[in-house]
C-alpha atoms as a PDB file:
ATOM      1  CA  MET A   1     220.365  82.965  43.311  1.00  0.00           C
ATOM      2  CA  LYS A   2     217.960  83.346  46.283  1.00  0.00           C
ATOM      3  CA  THR A   3     215.710  86.342  46.279  1.00  0.00           C
ATOM      4  CA  GLY A   4     214.161  88.172  49.266  1.00  0.00           C
ATOM      5  CA  PRO A   5     210.452  88.026  50.090  1.00  0.00           C
ATOM      6  CA  SER A   6     208.185  89.616  47.589  1.00  0.00           C
ATOM      7  CA  LEU A   7     206.445  92.879  48.311  1.00  0.00           C
ATOM      8  CA  ILE A   8     203.143  91.029  48.358  1.00  0.00           C
ATOM      9  CA  ALA A   9     204.385  88.603  51.012  1.00  0.00           C
ATOM     10  CA  LEU A  10     205.684  91.450  53.158  1.00  0.00           C
ATOM     11  CA  ALA A  11     202.395  93.298  52.843  1.00  0.00           C
ATOM     12  CA  LEU A  12     200.467  90.215  53.918  1.00  0.00           C
ATOM     13  CA  ALA A  13     202.817  89.647  56.858  1.00  0.00           C
ATOM     14  CA  PHE A  14     202.246  93.137  58.205  1.00  0.00           C
ATOM     15  CA  ALA A  15     198.550  93.213  57.341  1.00  0.00           C
ATOM     16  CA  ALA A  16     197.695  89.977  59.177  1.00  0.00           C
ATOM     17  CA  PRO A  17     198.347  91.291  62.710  1.00  0.00           C
ATOM     18  CA  ALA A  18     196.520  94.502  61.848  1.00  0.00           C
ATOM     19  CA  ALA A  19     193.542  92.494  60.679  1.00  0.00           C
ATOM     20  CA  VAL A  20     193.565  90.509  63.919  1.00  0.00           C
ATOM     21  CA  HIS A  21     193.713  93.728  65.977  1.00  0.00           C
ATOM     22  CA  ALA A  22     190.909  95.190  63.911  1.00  0.00           C
ATOM     23  CA  GLN A  23     188.762  92.136  64.640  1.00  0.00           C
ATOM     24  CA  ASP A  24     189.569  92.347  68.369  1.00  0.00           C
ATOM     25  CA  ALA A  25     188.767  96.062  68.658  1.00  0.00           C
ATOM     26  CA  PRO A  26     184.945  95.725  68.958  1.00  0.00           C
ATOM     27  CA  ALA A  27     185.327  93.063  71.671  1.00  0.00           C
ATOM     28  CA  ALA A  28     187.808  95.243  73.573  1.00  0.00           C
ATOM     29  CA  ASP A  29     185.519  98.264  73.252  1.00  0.00           C
ATOM     30  CA  LYS A  30     182.562  96.225  74.504  1.00  0.00           C
ATOM     31  CA  ALA A  31     184.530  94.903  77.497  1.00  0.00           C
ATOM     32  CA  LYS A  32     185.587  98.438  78.325  1.00  0.00           C
ATOM     33  CA  ALA A  33     181.987  99.636  78.067  1.00  0.00           C
ATOM     34  CA  ASP A  34     180.734  96.777  80.280  1.00  0.00           C
ATOM     35  CA  LYS A  35     183.301  97.457  82.993  1.00  0.00           C
ATOM     36  CA  PRO A  36     181.595  99.553  85.683  1.00  0.00           C
ATOM     37  CA  ALA A  37     183.129 102.903  86.428  1.00  0.00           C
ATOM     38  CA  ASP A  38     184.871 103.203  89.763  1.00  0.00           C
ATOM     39  CA  VAL A  39     183.099 105.137  92.500  1.00  0.00           C
ATOM     40  CA  THR A  40     184.665 107.905  94.536  1.00  0.00           C
ATOM     41  CA  PRO A  41     183.072 108.023  98.004  1.00  0.00           C
ATOM     42  CA  GLN A  42     181.594 111.333  99.073  1.00  0.00           C
ATOM     43  CA  VAL A  43     182.796 112.481 102.500  1.00  0.00           C
ATOM     44  CA  ARG A  44     182.038 115.716 104.338  1.00  0.00           C
ATOM     45  CA  THR A  45     183.305 116.791 107.776  1.00  0.00           C
ATOM     46  CA  THR A  46     182.211 119.612 110.082  1.00  0.00           C
ATOM     47  CA  ARG A  47     183.965 120.483 113.341  1.00  0.00           C
ATOM     48  CA  LEU A  48     181.737 121.312 116.314  1.00  0.00           C
ATOM     49  CA  SER A  49     181.706 121.357 120.098  1.00  0.00           C
ATOM     50  CA  GLY A  50     179.204 120.534 122.814  1.00  0.00           C
ATOM     51  CA  THR A  51     178.755 119.523 126.440  1.00  0.00           C
ATOM     52  CA  PHE A  52     178.122 115.828 127.044  1.00  0.00           C
ATOM     53  CA  GLY A  53     178.040 114.137 130.425  1.00  0.00           C
ATOM     54  CA  GLY A  54     179.171 117.439 131.919  1.00  0.00           C
ATOM     55  CA  GLN A  55     182.296 117.599 129.701  1.00  0.00           C
ATOM     56  CA  ARG A  56     182.991 120.225 127.032  1.00  0.00           C
ATOM     57  CA  ILE A  57     184.104 118.270 123.976  1.00  0.00           C
ATOM     58  CA  ASN A  58     185.344 119.287 120.534  1.00  0.00           C
ATOM     59  CA  TYR A  59     184.360 116.770 117.887  1.00  0.00           C
ATOM     60  CA  ALA A  60     184.321 116.115 114.158  1.00  0.00           C
ATOM     61  CA  ALA A  61     181.001 115.178 112.554  1.00  0.00           C
ATOM     62  CA  THR A  62     181.657 113.214 109.357  1.00  0.00           C
ATOM     63  CA  ILE A  63     179.039 111.870 106.981  1.00  0.00           C
ATOM     64  CA  GLY A  64     180.544 109.712 104.286  1.00  0.00           C
ATOM     65  CA  GLU A  65     180.145 106.788 101.953  1.00  0.00           C
ATOM     66  CA  THR A  66     181.947 103.502 102.464  1.00  0.00           C
ATOM     67  CA  ILE A  67     182.205 101.653  99.157  1.00  0.00           C
ATOM     68  CA  VAL A  68     181.876  97.883  99.485  1.00  0.00           C
ATOM     69  CA  ARG A  69     183.200  95.825  96.570  1.00  0.00           C
ATOM     70  CA  ASN A  70     182.606  92.265  95.439  1.00  0.00           C
ATOM     71  CA  LYS A  71     185.367  89.656  95.188  1.00  0.00           C
ATOM     72  CA  ASP A  72     186.368  91.032  91.784  1.00  0.00           C
ATOM     73  CA  GLY A  73     186.849  94.530  93.147  1.00  0.00           C
ATOM     74  CA  VAL A  74     183.709  95.894  91.517  1.00  0.00           C
ATOM     75  CA  PRO A  75     181.891  98.510  93.667  1.00  0.00           C
ATOM     76  CA  GLU A  76     178.433  97.220  94.587  1.00  0.00           C
ATOM     77  CA  VAL A  77     177.232  99.125  97.662  1.00  0.00           C
ATOM     78  CA  ALA A  78     177.594 102.656  98.995  1.00  0.00           C
ATOM     79  CA  VAL A  79     176.976 102.551 102.743  1.00  0.00           C
ATOM     80  CA  VAL A  80     176.558 105.904 104.472  1.00  0.00           C
ATOM     81  CA  THR A  81     177.968 106.300 107.960  1.00  0.00           C
ATOM     82  CA  THR A  82     177.702 109.285 110.279  1.00  0.00           C
ATOM     83  CA  ALA A  83     180.603 109.462 112.709  1.00  0.00           C
ATOM     84  CA  TYR A  84     181.105 111.730 115.718  1.00  0.00           C
ATOM     85  CA  ILE A  85     184.750 111.642 116.799  1.00  0.00           C
ATOM     86  CA  LYS A  86     186.215 113.499 119.773  1.00  0.00           C
ATOM     87  CA  GLU A  87     189.150 115.783 118.974  1.00  0.00           C
ATOM     88  CA  PRO A  88     192.055 115.617 119.292  1.00  0.00           C
ATOM     89  CA  ARG A  89     191.689 112.070 118.041  1.00  0.00           C
ATOM     90  CA  ASP A  90     192.764 109.163 120.222  1.00  0.00           C
ATOM     91  CA  PRO A  91     193.436 105.843 118.415  1.00  0.00           C
ATOM     92  CA  ASN A  92     192.787 103.968 121.669  1.00  0.00           C
ATOM     93  CA  ARG A  93     189.470 105.624 122.536  1.00  0.00           C
ATOM     94  CA  PRO A  94     186.346 103.415 122.579  1.00  0.00           C
ATOM     95  CA  VAL A  95     184.177 103.475 119.466  1.00  0.00           C
ATOM     96  CA  THR A  96     180.543 102.358 119.297  1.00  0.00           C
ATOM     97  CA  PHE A  97     178.801 101.294 116.071  1.00  0.00           C
ATOM     98  CA  LEU A  98     175.037 101.890 116.173  1.00  0.00           C
ATOM     99  CA  PHE A  99     172.147 100.980 113.881  1.00  0.00           C
ATOM    100  CA  ASN A 100     168.367 100.929 114.053  1.00  0.00           C
ATOM    101  CA  GLY A 101     166.163  98.002 113.168  1.00  0.00           C
ATOM    102  CA  GLY A 102     163.255  97.448 110.878  1.00  0.00           C
ATOM    103  CA  PRO A 103     165.307  95.988 109.166  1.00  0.00           C
ATOM    104  CA  GLY A 104     164.374  98.833 106.812  1.00  0.00           C
ATOM    105  CA  SER A 105     164.980 101.748 109.177  1.00  0.00           C
ATOM    106  CA  GLY A 106     167.858 104.211 109.022  1.00  0.00           C
ATOM    107  CA  THR A 107     169.763 105.340 112.102  1.00  0.00           C
ATOM    108  CA  VAL A 108     168.058 108.729 112.218  1.00  0.00           C
ATOM    109  CA  TRP A 109     165.949 107.554 115.174  1.00  0.00           C
ATOM    110  CA  LEU A 110     168.869 106.567 117.410  1.00  0.00           C
ATOM    111  CA  MET A 111     170.934 109.526 116.249  1.00  0.00           C
ATOM    112  CA  MET A 112     168.319 112.267 116.544  1.00  0.00           C
ATOM    113  CA  GLY A 113     166.315 110.658 119.326  1.00  0.00           C
ATOM    114  CA  ALA A 114     168.830 109.236 121.757  1.00  0.00           C
ATOM    115  CA  PHE A 115     172.596 109.102 121.293  1.00  0.00           C
ATOM    116  CA  GLY A 116     173.662 111.795 118.825  1.00  0.00           C
ATOM    117  CA  PRO A 117     175.015 115.225 119.862  1.00  0.00           C
ATOM    118  CA  LYS A 118     171.794 116.868 118.639  1.00  0.00           C
ATOM    119  CA  ARG A 119     168.254 115.634 119.153  1.00  0.00           C
ATOM    120  CA  VAL A 120     164.741 116.540 118.143  1.00  0.00           C
ATOM    121  CA  ALA A 121     162.919 118.329 120.979  1.00  0.00           C
ATOM    122  CA  LEU A 122     159.874 116.199 121.769  1.00  0.00           C
ATOM    123  CA  PRO A 123     157.509 116.460 124.743  1.00  0.00           C
ATOM    124  CA  GLY A 124     158.433 114.017 127.484  1.00  0.00           C
ATOM    125  CA  THR A 125     154.842 113.509 128.561  1.00  0.00           C
ATOM    126  CA  GLY A 126     153.758 111.142 125.801  1.00  0.00           C
ATOM    127  CA  VAL A 127     151.418 113.684 124.183  1.00  0.00           C
ATOM    128  CA  ASP A 128     151.173 114.286 120.440  1.00  0.00           C
ATOM    129  CA  ASP A 129     154.298 116.090 119.248  1.00  0.00           C
ATOM    130  CA  GLY A 130     152.324 118.117 116.713  1.00  0.00           C
ATOM    131  CA  ALA A 131     153.494 118.997 113.224  1.00  0.00           C
ATOM    132  CA  PRO A 132     156.857 120.126 111.830  1.00  0.00           C
ATOM    133  CA  PRO A 133     159.096 121.990 111.959  1.00  0.00           C
ATOM    134  CA  TYR A 134     160.552 120.243 114.993  1.00  0.00           C
ATOM    135  CA  PRO A 135     163.251 122.136 116.927  1.00  0.00           C
ATOM    136  CA  LEU A 136     166.754 120.683 117.252  1.00  0.00           C
ATOM    137  CA  VAL A 137     168.464 121.044 120.609  1.00  0.00           C
ATOM    138  CA  ASP A 138     171.787 120.004 122.143  1.00  0.00           C
ATOM    139  CA  ASN A 139     171.724 116.512 123.609  1.00  0.00           C
ATOM    140  CA  PRO A 140     173.695 116.432 126.884  1.00  0.00           C
ATOM    141  CA  ASP A 141     173.020 112.682 127.117  1.00  0.00           C
ATOM    142  CA  ALA A 142     174.923 111.862 123.913  1.00  0.00           C
ATOM    143  CA  LEU A 143     177.655 109.257 124.343  1.00  0.00           C
ATOM    144  CA  LEU A 144     180.596 111.427 123.270  1.00  0.00           C
ATOM    145  CA  ASP A 145     181.932 111.815 126.800  1.00  0.00           C
ATOM    146  CA  VAL A 146     182.722 108.086 126.905  1.00  0.00           C
ATOM    147  CA  THR A 147     182.958 106.865 123.303  1.00  0.00           C
ATOM    148  CA  ASP A 148     183.212 107.922 119.682  1.00  0.00           C
ATOM    149  CA  ILE A 149     180.042 107.031 117.757  1.00  0.00           C
ATOM    150  CA  VAL A 150     179.528 105.659 114.243  1.00  0.00           C
ATOM    151  CA  PHE A 151     175.963 105.332 112.948  1.00  0.00           C
ATOM    152  CA  ILE A 152     175.600 102.838 110.081  1.00  0.00           C
ATOM    153  CA  ASP A 153     172.779 102.836 107.521  1.00  0.00           C
ATOM    154  CA  PRO A 154     172.643  99.462 105.697  1.00  0.00           C
ATOM    155  CA  PRO A 155     171.652  99.604 101.996  1.00  0.00           C
ATOM    156  CA  GLY A 156     168.020 100.485 101.467  1.00  0.00           C
ATOM    157  CA  THR A 157     168.012 102.744 104.538  1.00  0.00           C
ATOM    158  CA  GLY A 158     169.016 106.382 104.844  1.00  0.00           C
ATOM    159  CA  PHE A 159     171.112 107.384 101.809  1.00  0.00           C
ATOM    160  CA  SER A 160     172.798 103.974 101.423  1.00  0.00           C
ATOM    161  CA  HIS A 161     172.182 102.185  98.130  1.00  0.00           C
ATOM    162  CA  LEU A 162     173.292  99.444  95.766  1.00  0.00           C
ATOM    163  CA  ILE A 163     175.520 100.397  92.846  1.00  0.00           C
ATOM    164  CA  GLY A 164     175.149  99.421  89.210  1.00  0.00           C
ATOM    165  CA  LYS A 165     174.168  95.811  88.602  1.00  0.00           C
ATOM    166  CA  ALA A 166     174.566  94.644  92.205  1.00  0.00           C
ATOM    167  CA  ASP A 167     172.136  91.818  92.957  1.00  0.00           C
ATOM    168  CA  PRO A 168     169.846  92.692  95.916  1.00  0.00           C
ATOM    169  CA  LYS A 169     169.859  89.022  96.961  1.00  0.00           C
ATOM    170  CA  ASP A 170     173.546  89.410  97.842  1.00  0.00           C
ATOM    171  CA  TYR A 171     172.811  92.104 100.430  1.00  0.00           C
ATOM    172  CA  TYR A 172     169.201  91.790 101.632  1.00  0.00           C
ATOM    173  CA  GLY A 173     168.841  88.938 104.108  1.00  0.00           C
ATOM    174  CA  VAL A 174     169.801  88.198 107.714  1.00  0.00           C
ATOM    175  CA  THR A 175     173.233  86.760 106.909  1.00  0.00           C
ATOM    176  CA  GLN A 176     173.896  88.997 103.901  1.00  0.00           C
ATOM    177  CA  ASP A 177     173.040  92.094 105.946  1.00  0.00           C
ATOM    178  CA  ALA A 178     175.321  90.999 108.790  1.00  0.00           C
ATOM    179  CA  LYS A 179     178.241  90.283 106.451  1.00  0.00           C
ATOM    180  CA  LEU A 180     177.870  93.705 104.850  1.00  0.00           C
ATOM    181  CA  VAL A 181     177.713  95.608 108.156  1.00  0.00           C
ATOM    182  CA  ALA A 182     180.739  93.641 109.399  1.00  0.00           C
ATOM    183  CA  SER A 183     182.602  94.628 106.213  1.00  0.00           C
ATOM    184  CA  VAL A 184     181.733  98.290 106.756  1.00  0.00           C
ATOM    185  CA  ILE A 185     183.020  98.135 110.347  1.00  0.00           C
ATOM    186  CA  ARG A 186     186.305  96.586 109.224  1.00  0.00           C
ATOM    187  CA  LEU A 187     186.733  99.186 106.482  1.00  0.00           C
ATOM    188  CA  TRP A 188     185.996 102.010 108.922  1.00  0.00           C
ATOM    189  CA  LEU A 189     188.543 100.647 111.406  1.00  0.00           C
ATOM    190  CA  ASN A 190     191.126 100.450 108.605  1.00  0.00           C
ATOM    191  CA  ASP A 191     190.427 103.912 107.226  1.00  0.00           C
ATOM    192  CA  ASN A 192     190.532 105.534 110.664  1.00  0.00           C
ATOM    193  CA  GLY A 193     193.356 103.582 112.308  1.00  0.00           C
ATOM    194  CA  ARG A 194     191.130 102.328 115.120  1.00  0.00           C
ATOM    195  CA  TRP A 195     191.915  98.635 115.390  1.00  0.00           C
ATOM    196  CA  ASN A 196     193.266  99.126 118.917  1.00  0.00           C
ATOM    197  CA  SER A 197     190.114 100.886 120.149  1.00  0.00           C
ATOM    198  CA  PRO A 198     187.679  99.092 122.475  1.00  0.00           C
ATOM    199  CA  LYS A 199     184.754  98.274 120.158  1.00  0.00           C
ATOM    200  CA  TYR A 200     181.040  98.134 120.917  1.00  0.00           C
ATOM    201  CA  LEU A 201     177.924  97.331 118.886  1.00  0.00           C
ATOM    202  CA  GLY A 202     174.540  98.866 119.599  1.00  0.00           C
ATOM    203  CA  GLY A 203     171.258  97.921 117.945  1.00  0.00           C
ATOM    204  CA  GLU A 204     167.572  98.707 118.393  1.00  0.00           C
ATOM    205  CA  SER A 205     164.693  96.282 117.741  1.00  0.00           C
ATOM    206  CA  TYR A 206     165.746  94.250 114.669  1.00  0.00           C
ATOM    207  CA  GLY A 207     169.088  95.949 115.218  1.00  0.00           C
ATOM    208  CA  THR A 208     169.530  93.657 118.243  1.00  0.00           C
ATOM    209  CA  THR A 209     169.128  90.666 115.936  1.00  0.00           C
ATOM    210  CA  ARG A 210     171.606  92.325 113.572  1.00  0.00           C
ATOM    211  CA  SER A 211     174.007  92.878 116.497  1.00  0.00           C
ATOM    212  CA  ALA A 212     174.043  89.157 117.258  1.00  0.00           C
ATOM    213  CA  ALA A 213     174.593  88.258 113.605  1.00  0.00           C
ATOM    214  CA  VAL A 214     177.248  90.966 113.072  1.00  0.00           C
ATOM    215  CA  ALA A 215     179.098  89.870 116.232  1.00  0.00           C
ATOM    216  CA  ASN A 216     179.170  86.354 114.799  1.00  0.00           C
ATOM    217  CA  GLU A 217     180.603  87.647 111.508  1.00  0.00           C
ATOM    218  CA  LEU A 218     183.172  89.871 113.214  1.00  0.00           C
ATOM    219  CA  MET A 219     184.433  87.403 115.791  1.00  0.00           C
ATOM    220  CA  ASN A 220     184.469  84.198 113.740  1.00  0.00           C
ATOM    221  CA  ASP A 221     186.325  85.247 110.614  1.00  0.00           C
ATOM    222  CA  THR A 222     189.584  83.324 110.273  1.00  0.00           C
ATOM    223  CA  TYR A 223     191.545  86.166 108.687  1.00  0.00           C
ATOM    224  CA  ASN A 224     189.649  89.315 109.708  1.00  0.00           C
ATOM    225  CA  ASP A 225     188.637  88.633 113.288  1.00  0.00           C
ATOM    226  CA  VAL A 226     187.397  91.673 115.226  1.00  0.00           C
ATOM    227  CA  ALA A 227     187.197  91.313 119.006  1.00  0.00           C
ATOM    228  CA  LEU A 228     184.288  93.147 120.637  1.00  0.00           C
ATOM    229  CA  ASN A 229     184.244  94.637 124.119  1.00  0.00           C
ATOM    230  CA  GLY A 230     180.461  94.789 124.492  1.00  0.00           C
ATOM    231  CA  ILE A 231     177.049  94.832 122.818  1.00  0.00           C
ATOM    232  CA  ILE A 232     174.147  97.185 123.608  1.00  0.00           C
ATOM    233  CA  LEU A 233     170.655  95.755 123.003  1.00  0.00           C
ATOM    234  CA  ILE A 234     167.716  98.202 122.889  1.00  0.00           C
ATOM    235  CA  SER A 235     164.125  96.857 122.603  1.00  0.00           C
ATOM    236  CA  THR A 236     165.585  93.396 122.237  1.00  0.00           C
ATOM    237  CA  VAL A 237     164.204  90.993 119.624  1.00  0.00           C
ATOM    238  CA  LEU A 238     166.282  87.833 119.620  1.00  0.00           C
ATOM    239  CA  ASP A 239     163.425  85.322 119.688  1.00  0.00           C
ATOM    240  CA  PHE A 240     160.744  86.326 117.176  1.00  0.00           C
ATOM    241  CA  ALA A 241     158.446  83.534 118.305  1.00  0.00           C
ATOM    242  CA  ALA A 242     158.393  84.909 121.857  1.00  0.00           C
ATOM    243  CA  GLY A 243     157.109  88.256 120.630  1.00  0.00           C
ATOM    244  CA  ALA A 244     154.379  86.957 118.320  1.00  0.00           C
ATOM    245  CA  ASP A 245     150.967  87.856 119.782  1.00  0.00           C
ATOM    246  CA  THR A 246     149.153  84.926 118.205  1.00  0.00           C
ATOM    247  CA  PRO A 247     146.628  82.528 119.760  1.00  0.00           C
ATOM    248  CA  GLY A 248     148.356  79.600 121.417  1.00  0.00           C
ATOM    249  CA  ASN A 249     151.680  81.375 121.877  1.00  0.00           C
ATOM    250  CA  GLU A 250     151.965  81.606 125.645  1.00  0.00           C
ATOM    251  CA  LEU A 251     155.491  83.059 125.647  1.00  0.00           C
ATOM    252  CA  SER A 252     154.378  86.499 124.507  1.00  0.00           C
ATOM    253  CA  PRO A 253     152.206  87.432 127.535  1.00  0.00           C
ATOM    254  CA  ILE A 254     154.708  85.804 129.919  1.00  0.00           C
ATOM    255  CA  THR A 255     157.613  87.879 128.596  1.00  0.00           C
ATOM    256  CA  ASN A 256     155.552  91.069 128.272  1.00  0.00           C
ATOM    257  CA  LEU A 257     154.107  91.062 131.793  1.00  0.00           C
ATOM    258  CA  PRO A 258     157.220  92.212 133.754  1.00  0.00           C
ATOM    259  CA  SER A 259     157.678  95.238 131.470  1.00  0.00           C
ATOM    260  CA  MET A 260     153.986  96.095 131.723  1.00  0.00           C
ATOM    261  CA  ALA A 261     154.165  95.788 135.507  1.00  0.00           C
ATOM    262  CA  VAL A 262     157.124  98.191 135.781  1.00  0.00           C
ATOM    263  CA  THR A 263     155.369 100.601 133.388  1.00  0.00           C
ATOM    264  CA  ALA A 264     152.329 100.528 135.676  1.00  0.00           C
ATOM    265  CA  LEU A 265     154.592 101.218 138.655  1.00  0.00           C
ATOM    266  CA  TYR A 266     156.112 104.222 136.870  1.00  0.00           C
ATOM    267  CA  HIS A 267     152.667 105.696 136.217  1.00  0.00           C
ATOM    268  CA  GLY A 268     151.504 105.186 139.800  1.00  0.00           C
ATOM    269  CA  LYS A 269     149.153 102.298 139.009  1.00  0.00           C
ATOM    270  CA  ALA A 270     151.027  99.827 141.240  1.00  0.00           C
ATOM    271  CA  GLN A 271     153.095  99.832 144.412  1.00  0.00           C
ATOM    272  CA  GLY A 272     156.582  98.466 144.926  1.00  0.00           C
ATOM    273  CA  SER A 273     159.722  99.142 146.944  1.00  0.00           C
ATOM    274  CA  SER A 274     161.793  99.790 143.793  1.00  0.00           C
ATOM    275  CA  PRO A 275     161.512  99.199 140.034  1.00  0.00           C
ATOM    276  CA  GLU A 276     164.172  96.474 140.254  1.00  0.00           C
ATOM    277  CA  ALA A 277     162.449  94.596 143.070  1.00  0.00           C
ATOM    278  CA  PHE A 278     159.034  95.033 141.467  1.00  0.00           C
ATOM    279  CA  ALA A 279     160.316  93.740 138.103  1.00  0.00           C
ATOM    280  CA  GLU A 280     161.786  90.652 139.767  1.00  0.00           C
ATOM    281  CA  GLU A 281     158.527  89.992 141.651  1.00  0.00           C
ATOM    282  CA  ALA A 282     156.565  90.279 138.404  1.00  0.00           C
ATOM    283  CA  ARG A 283     159.085  88.077 136.588  1.00  0.00           C
ATOM    284  CA  GLN A 284     158.808  85.270 139.140  1.00  0.00           C
ATOM    285  CA  TRP A 285     155.024  85.417 139.079  1.00  0.00           C
ATOM    286  CA  ALA A 286     154.986  85.429 135.261  1.00  0.00           C
ATOM    287  CA  ILE A 287     157.145  82.289 134.912  1.00  0.00           C
ATOM    288  CA  GLY A 288     155.420  80.593 137.831  1.00  0.00           C
ATOM    289  CA  PRO A 289     151.655  80.747 138.529  1.00  0.00           C
ATOM    290  CA  TYR A 290     150.857  82.822 135.414  1.00  0.00           C
ATOM    291  CA  ALA A 291     152.728  80.485 133.026  1.00  0.00           C
ATOM    292  CA  THR A 292     151.132  77.436 134.698  1.00  0.00           C
ATOM    293  CA  ALA A 293     147.634  78.829 134.205  1.00  0.00           C
ATOM    294  CA  LEU A 294     148.259  79.780 130.572  1.00  0.00           C
ATOM    295  CA  LEU A 295     149.683  76.387 129.698  1.00  0.00           C
ATOM    296  CA  LYS A 296     146.663  74.621 131.217  1.00  0.00           C
ATOM    297  CA  GLY A 297     144.437  76.435 128.754  1.00  0.00           C
ATOM    298  CA  GLN A 298     140.783  77.403 129.173  1.00  0.00           C
ATOM    299  CA  ASN A 299     139.425  74.191 130.651  1.00  0.00           C
ATOM    300  CA  GLU A 300     140.870  74.640 134.130  1.00  0.00           C
ATOM    301  CA  ASP A 301     139.230  76.492 136.972  1.00  0.00           C
ATOM    302  CA  GLN A 302     140.552  80.063 137.266  1.00  0.00           C
ATOM    303  CA  ARG A 303     141.830  79.176 140.746  1.00  0.00           C
ATOM    304  CA  ALA A 304     144.600  77.227 138.991  1.00  0.00           C
ATOM    305  CA  ILE A 305     146.359  80.519 138.516  1.00  0.00           C
ATOM    306  CA  GLY A 306     147.276  80.513 142.190  1.00  0.00           C
ATOM    307  CA  THR A 307     147.942  83.666 144.159  1.00  0.00           C
ATOM    308  CA  PRO A 308     147.268  86.661 141.887  1.00  0.00           C
ATOM    309  CA  PHE A 309     150.009  89.156 141.206  1.00  0.00           C
ATOM    310  CA  VAL A 310     148.509  92.324 142.625  1.00  0.00           C
ATOM    311  CA  GLY A 311     151.535  94.603 142.779  1.00  0.00           C
END
C-alpha cells in the first residue's frame, strides 16, 4: 500500500523556499538601501503687482525646483527657476527664458539688475555704489508688460545643485549644460501648459554661447522639438578667439573699436550725427584701413593705416 510523504519530506519542502528567501533578504535590503530616495521639489509662490511699461500688472512670483532625472528615472539635479507670470494666466502669452553667463554665474544679475520686477538701486553715473545694504526699488523697465519671464540657474549657480551620486561630468560642459537647460525648459513648458506660447531665449556673456547651444538642443530633437520665436544676446560671446586680447590676435581690437567709439561719443569725447551712423563709420574704418594696418604688423610705415578715424 502506498503511503503519503513523510513529515520530514514535507518539512524540507516547505523549508527550502524559506531558506531561499532568507538568503535573498540581505541582497533585497541592500538594493533597497542603495536606491536613492525620491525628491519632492520645493515650490513657493507670492502674488504681487507692479507697473511695467506703463501698465499695471498683477503677477505671480514663483521660485521652485525642477527635478531632472537620468534615463533610469533617478533624480540627479535640482534646478531652481524664478518665474514671473502675469495674472490671469494666458497659455498663449509669450514667455522668455533668461540666464546669466560665467558659466558659473546665477541669474541674480539679470533679474535684480535689468529685467526683473524689482532691481537694486545703483547710481547711474558709474561711481562706486558703496557698501550694503542696497535698496530695492520697483523696476518699470521689467519685461512683464510684453512677456512672462523665467530665470534659470544651471547647477552650480544660485541654489541649483546636483543630487546624490550624480556625476558632475554629466552636467558640467558646453553640451551637457545646454542639454540640461533644454530639459528644464521642456519640463517647465509641460508643467505650466505653455507649449503654445511664443518662446524666447535670453543670455548674457557666456549665456549667449549657452543660448546658441540650447537653441540647437531645443530645435533639433527628433521627438521633443521646441520651436523658438527669438533669441536675445547681451554682451555677446560667440567667438572666444575674437575676444582674446593676446599678442598677434588682430580680431580683438578690430571688433572692440566700434563699441569704444560709440562709448566715446556718449561721453562727449567724439562727434557724430547719431550713435547708429557713428557706429557704422567706426565699423567700416575698423574692418578697412585699421585691419589692413594691423595685419601688416610693425614693419610697415605708419602711413599704411590710411586716413585716420578721427570721429
